[in-house]
Protein backbone atom coordinates (compact mmCIF):
# COMPACT_ATOMS: atom_id res chain seq x y z
CA MET A 1 -12.37 25.32 13.74
CA LYS A 2 -11.10 23.46 10.68
CA PRO A 3 -13.07 23.77 7.40
CA ARG A 4 -14.09 20.12 7.32
CA HIS A 5 -15.46 20.39 10.87
CA VAL A 6 -17.55 23.38 9.81
CA ALA A 7 -18.78 21.48 6.75
CA VAL A 8 -19.83 18.43 8.76
CA ARG A 9 -21.65 20.50 11.37
CA ALA A 10 -23.31 22.61 8.67
CA LEU A 11 -24.50 19.41 6.99
CA PHE A 12 -25.94 18.17 10.27
CA CYS A 13 -27.76 21.49 10.87
CA LEU A 14 -29.16 21.40 7.34
CA MET A 15 -30.51 17.88 7.84
CA LEU A 16 -31.99 18.85 11.21
CA LEU A 17 -33.71 21.82 9.57
CA THR A 18 -35.07 19.47 6.91
CA VAL A 19 -36.58 17.23 9.60
CA LEU A 20 -38.24 20.19 11.32
CA THR A 21 -39.60 21.83 8.19
CA SER A 22 -40.63 18.66 6.37
CA GLY A 23 -43.04 17.67 9.10
CA CYS A 24 -45.72 19.88 7.65
CA ALA A 25 -47.06 20.00 4.10
CA THR A 26 -48.62 23.18 2.80
CA LEU A 27 -51.73 22.78 0.67
CA THR A 28 -53.49 25.58 -1.19
CA LYS A 29 -57.13 25.49 -2.27
CA HIS A 30 -59.43 27.96 -3.93
CA ALA A 31 -62.25 29.30 -1.80
CA ALA A 32 -65.72 29.32 -3.29
CA ALA A 33 -66.12 33.07 -3.00
CA PRO A 34 -68.48 34.47 -5.66
CA ASP A 35 -67.03 37.99 -5.48
CA ASP A 36 -63.38 36.97 -5.94
CA ALA A 37 -62.62 33.73 -7.72
CA SER A 38 -58.89 34.19 -7.16
CA ASP A 39 -59.19 34.23 -3.37
CA THR A 40 -57.19 31.41 -1.83
CA LYS A 41 -56.74 29.86 1.59
CA THR A 42 -53.68 28.04 2.88
CA ILE A 43 -54.17 24.86 4.85
CA THR A 44 -51.34 23.22 6.79
CA ALA A 45 -51.53 19.43 7.14
CA VAL A 46 -49.30 17.39 9.43
CA ALA A 47 -47.41 14.64 7.66
CA PRO A 48 -48.10 11.05 8.77
CA PRO A 49 -45.63 9.25 11.11
CA GLU A 50 -44.26 7.25 8.16
CA ALA A 51 -42.94 10.49 6.63
CA TYR A 52 -41.02 11.35 9.80
CA LEU A 53 -39.56 7.84 9.93
CA ALA A 54 -38.36 8.08 6.32
CA ILE A 55 -36.68 11.43 7.04
CA VAL A 56 -34.95 10.07 10.15
CA GLU A 57 -33.71 7.04 8.20
CA ASP A 58 -32.29 9.31 5.48
CA VAL A 59 -30.50 11.44 8.09
CA GLY A 60 -29.10 8.30 9.71
CA ARG A 61 -27.72 7.01 6.42
CA VAL A 62 -25.99 10.32 5.68
CA LEU A 63 -24.49 10.56 9.18
CA ALA A 64 -23.29 6.97 8.96
CA TYR A 65 -21.53 7.81 5.70
CA VAL A 66 -19.93 10.95 7.16
CA TYR A 67 -18.72 9.35 10.38
CA THR A 68 -17.71 5.86 9.25
CA ALA A 69 -14.02 5.25 8.60
CA PRO A 70 -12.93 2.69 5.99
CA PRO A 71 -11.70 -0.65 7.41
CA SER A 72 -8.17 0.12 6.14
CA GLN A 73 -7.99 3.27 8.27
CA ILE A 74 -5.82 1.98 11.11
CA PRO A 75 -3.08 3.78 13.07
CA ALA A 76 -0.11 3.51 10.72
CA ILE A 77 2.13 6.53 11.30
CA TRP A 78 4.18 7.88 14.18
CA PRO A 79 2.17 10.39 16.22
CA VAL A 80 5.29 12.56 16.61
CA GLU A 81 7.97 13.62 14.16
CA ALA A 82 11.19 14.68 15.87
CA SER A 83 14.87 13.93 15.38
CA GLY A 84 16.19 11.73 18.13
CA ARG A 85 12.81 10.34 19.09
CA TYR A 86 12.95 6.89 20.66
CA ILE A 87 10.81 4.55 22.74
CA SER A 88 11.91 4.56 26.39
CA ASP A 89 9.27 2.29 27.89
CA CYS A 90 7.74 -0.58 25.93
CA PHE A 91 4.35 -2.26 25.94
CA LYS A 92 3.85 -4.52 28.99
CA PRO A 93 0.20 -5.63 29.19
CA SER A 94 0.58 -8.25 31.96
CA GLY A 95 1.94 -8.37 35.50
CA ARG A 96 0.98 -6.40 38.58
CA SER A 97 -0.96 -3.20 37.97
CA ARG A 98 2.06 -0.98 38.67
CA GLN A 99 4.18 -3.04 36.31
CA GLN A 100 1.70 -2.91 33.45
CA HIS A 101 2.26 -0.45 30.65
CA LYS A 102 -0.57 -0.38 28.12
CA GLY A 103 1.30 1.68 25.56
CA VAL A 104 4.72 3.04 24.69
CA ASP A 105 6.54 6.16 25.85
CA ILE A 106 8.13 8.12 23.03
CA ILE A 107 10.80 10.56 24.17
CA VAL A 108 10.52 13.93 22.42
CA PRO A 109 11.12 17.53 23.55
CA ARG A 110 8.33 19.51 25.18
CA GLY A 111 6.26 21.32 22.58
CA THR A 112 6.74 18.68 19.87
CA PRO A 113 3.55 18.56 17.75
CA VAL A 114 1.46 15.43 18.36
CA CYS A 115 -0.63 14.27 15.41
CA ALA A 116 -3.44 11.78 14.83
CA SER A 117 -1.98 8.49 13.61
CA ALA A 118 -5.16 7.84 11.56
CA GLY A 119 -8.38 9.63 10.76
CA GLY A 120 -11.34 9.43 13.11
CA ARG A 121 -13.47 11.27 15.64
CA VAL A 122 -12.22 12.70 18.94
CA SER A 123 -14.02 10.77 21.67
CA PHE A 124 -12.30 12.51 24.60
CA ALA A 125 -10.08 15.55 25.11
CA GLY A 126 -9.23 16.71 28.61
CA LEU A 127 -7.61 15.57 31.83
CA GLY A 128 -7.32 11.82 32.46
CA ARG A 129 -6.48 10.29 35.82
CA GLY A 130 -2.70 9.84 35.83
CA TYR A 131 -2.59 10.65 32.10
CA GLY A 132 -2.67 14.43 32.43
CA HIS A 133 -3.83 16.26 29.32
CA MET A 134 -4.87 13.59 26.86
CA VAL A 135 -6.79 12.91 23.66
CA LYS A 136 -8.63 9.76 22.59
CA ILE A 137 -9.51 9.21 18.93
CA ASP A 138 -12.11 6.67 17.84
CA HIS A 139 -11.22 5.46 14.35
CA LEU A 140 -14.69 3.93 13.98
CA ASN A 141 -13.48 0.51 12.91
CA GLY A 142 -12.61 -1.08 16.27
CA TYR A 143 -9.42 0.94 16.76
CA GLU A 144 -8.94 3.75 19.25
CA THR A 145 -5.71 5.66 19.97
CA TRP A 146 -4.75 7.47 23.18
CA TYR A 147 -2.24 10.34 23.42
CA ALA A 148 -1.27 11.28 26.97
CA HIS A 149 0.96 13.53 29.14
CA LEU A 150 0.39 16.34 26.63
CA ASP A 151 1.43 19.90 27.39
CA PHE A 152 -1.89 21.05 25.96
CA THR A 153 -4.58 19.92 23.51
CA LEU A 154 -5.89 21.57 20.34
CA VAL A 155 -9.06 19.55 19.77
CA THR A 156 -12.38 18.93 21.47
CA ALA A 157 -14.67 15.91 21.70
CA GLY A 158 -16.59 15.43 18.48
CA ASP A 159 -13.97 16.88 16.14
CA ILE A 160 -13.39 14.93 12.93
CA LEU A 161 -9.72 14.41 12.09
CA SER A 162 -7.62 13.15 9.22
CA SER A 163 -4.38 11.25 9.57
CA GLY A 164 -1.59 13.68 10.44
CA ASP A 165 -3.80 16.42 11.93
CA GLN A 166 -2.20 18.02 14.99
CA ILE A 167 -4.08 17.38 18.23
CA GLY A 168 -1.69 18.95 20.76
CA CYS A 169 1.91 19.14 21.90
CA ALA A 170 4.04 16.77 23.96
CA GLY A 171 4.81 17.58 27.58
CA HIS A 172 4.86 15.89 31.00
CA SER A 173 1.42 16.51 32.53
CA GLY A 174 -0.12 13.94 34.85
CA ASN A 175 2.05 11.22 36.37
CA ALA A 176 5.13 11.96 34.27
CA THR A 177 8.59 13.13 35.27
CA THR A 178 10.07 13.89 31.86
CA ASP A 179 8.85 15.19 28.53
CA HIS A 180 7.45 12.42 26.34
CA LEU A 181 4.32 11.14 24.62
CA HIS A 182 2.50 8.15 26.09
CA TYR A 183 0.82 6.45 23.14
CA GLU A 184 -1.72 3.62 23.27
CA ILE A 185 -3.63 1.69 20.61
CA HIS A 186 -6.79 -0.19 21.58
CA LYS A 187 -8.50 -2.73 19.34
CA ASN A 188 -12.06 -3.68 20.25
CA GLY A 189 -11.48 -2.27 23.72
CA GLN A 190 -8.22 -4.11 24.42
CA PRO A 191 -4.74 -2.51 24.37
CA VAL A 192 -2.36 -3.84 21.72
CA ASN A 193 1.34 -3.22 21.12
CA PRO A 194 1.75 0.11 19.28
CA GLU A 195 5.21 -0.89 18.03
CA ALA A 196 3.56 -3.31 15.62
CA PHE A 197 1.94 -0.31 13.88
CA LEU A 198 4.77 2.21 13.90
CA LYS A 199 6.69 2.61 10.66
CA GLN A 200 10.41 2.73 11.33
């Protein structure tokens, strides 16, 4: 697990522990014992519901800060770096279902590292129908990228990534006959042309 993933999960566990332990307030009072004036008793009082609500709101604000990507964080780099890479099948969003192509196919050798084209959170990593081994990254600003026909994946759902982090390697799993990366960009749930985002 990458250090930043450990840090984020450690932060979450710390905040959860705070919620559990802050629910009770410990009060100490002196008992009126004539033989020992220093004798004390500990009384545990449950905090009112308003205290719990304030804690939950604080946790929510911190999590929102940790998991929210800046608006400028959009897919802006090639997800693969390999000499001789080229797009073999372009974006075709309309037509009959078999003629539609909601992304681009980038020809690269099997085993080529596939990287996140922008930072975000892994929303899915596994087998997709027809896509084979695939990864979906939610960039938390309306954009989501899909990486399909991978040989294998290196991430799991919930992982936090930075731009350029490796998520797997190219292959031809699923409905694919040759080694390549199928790459999609979705904006507000709708596929858009990835070529408009790829730097030449």
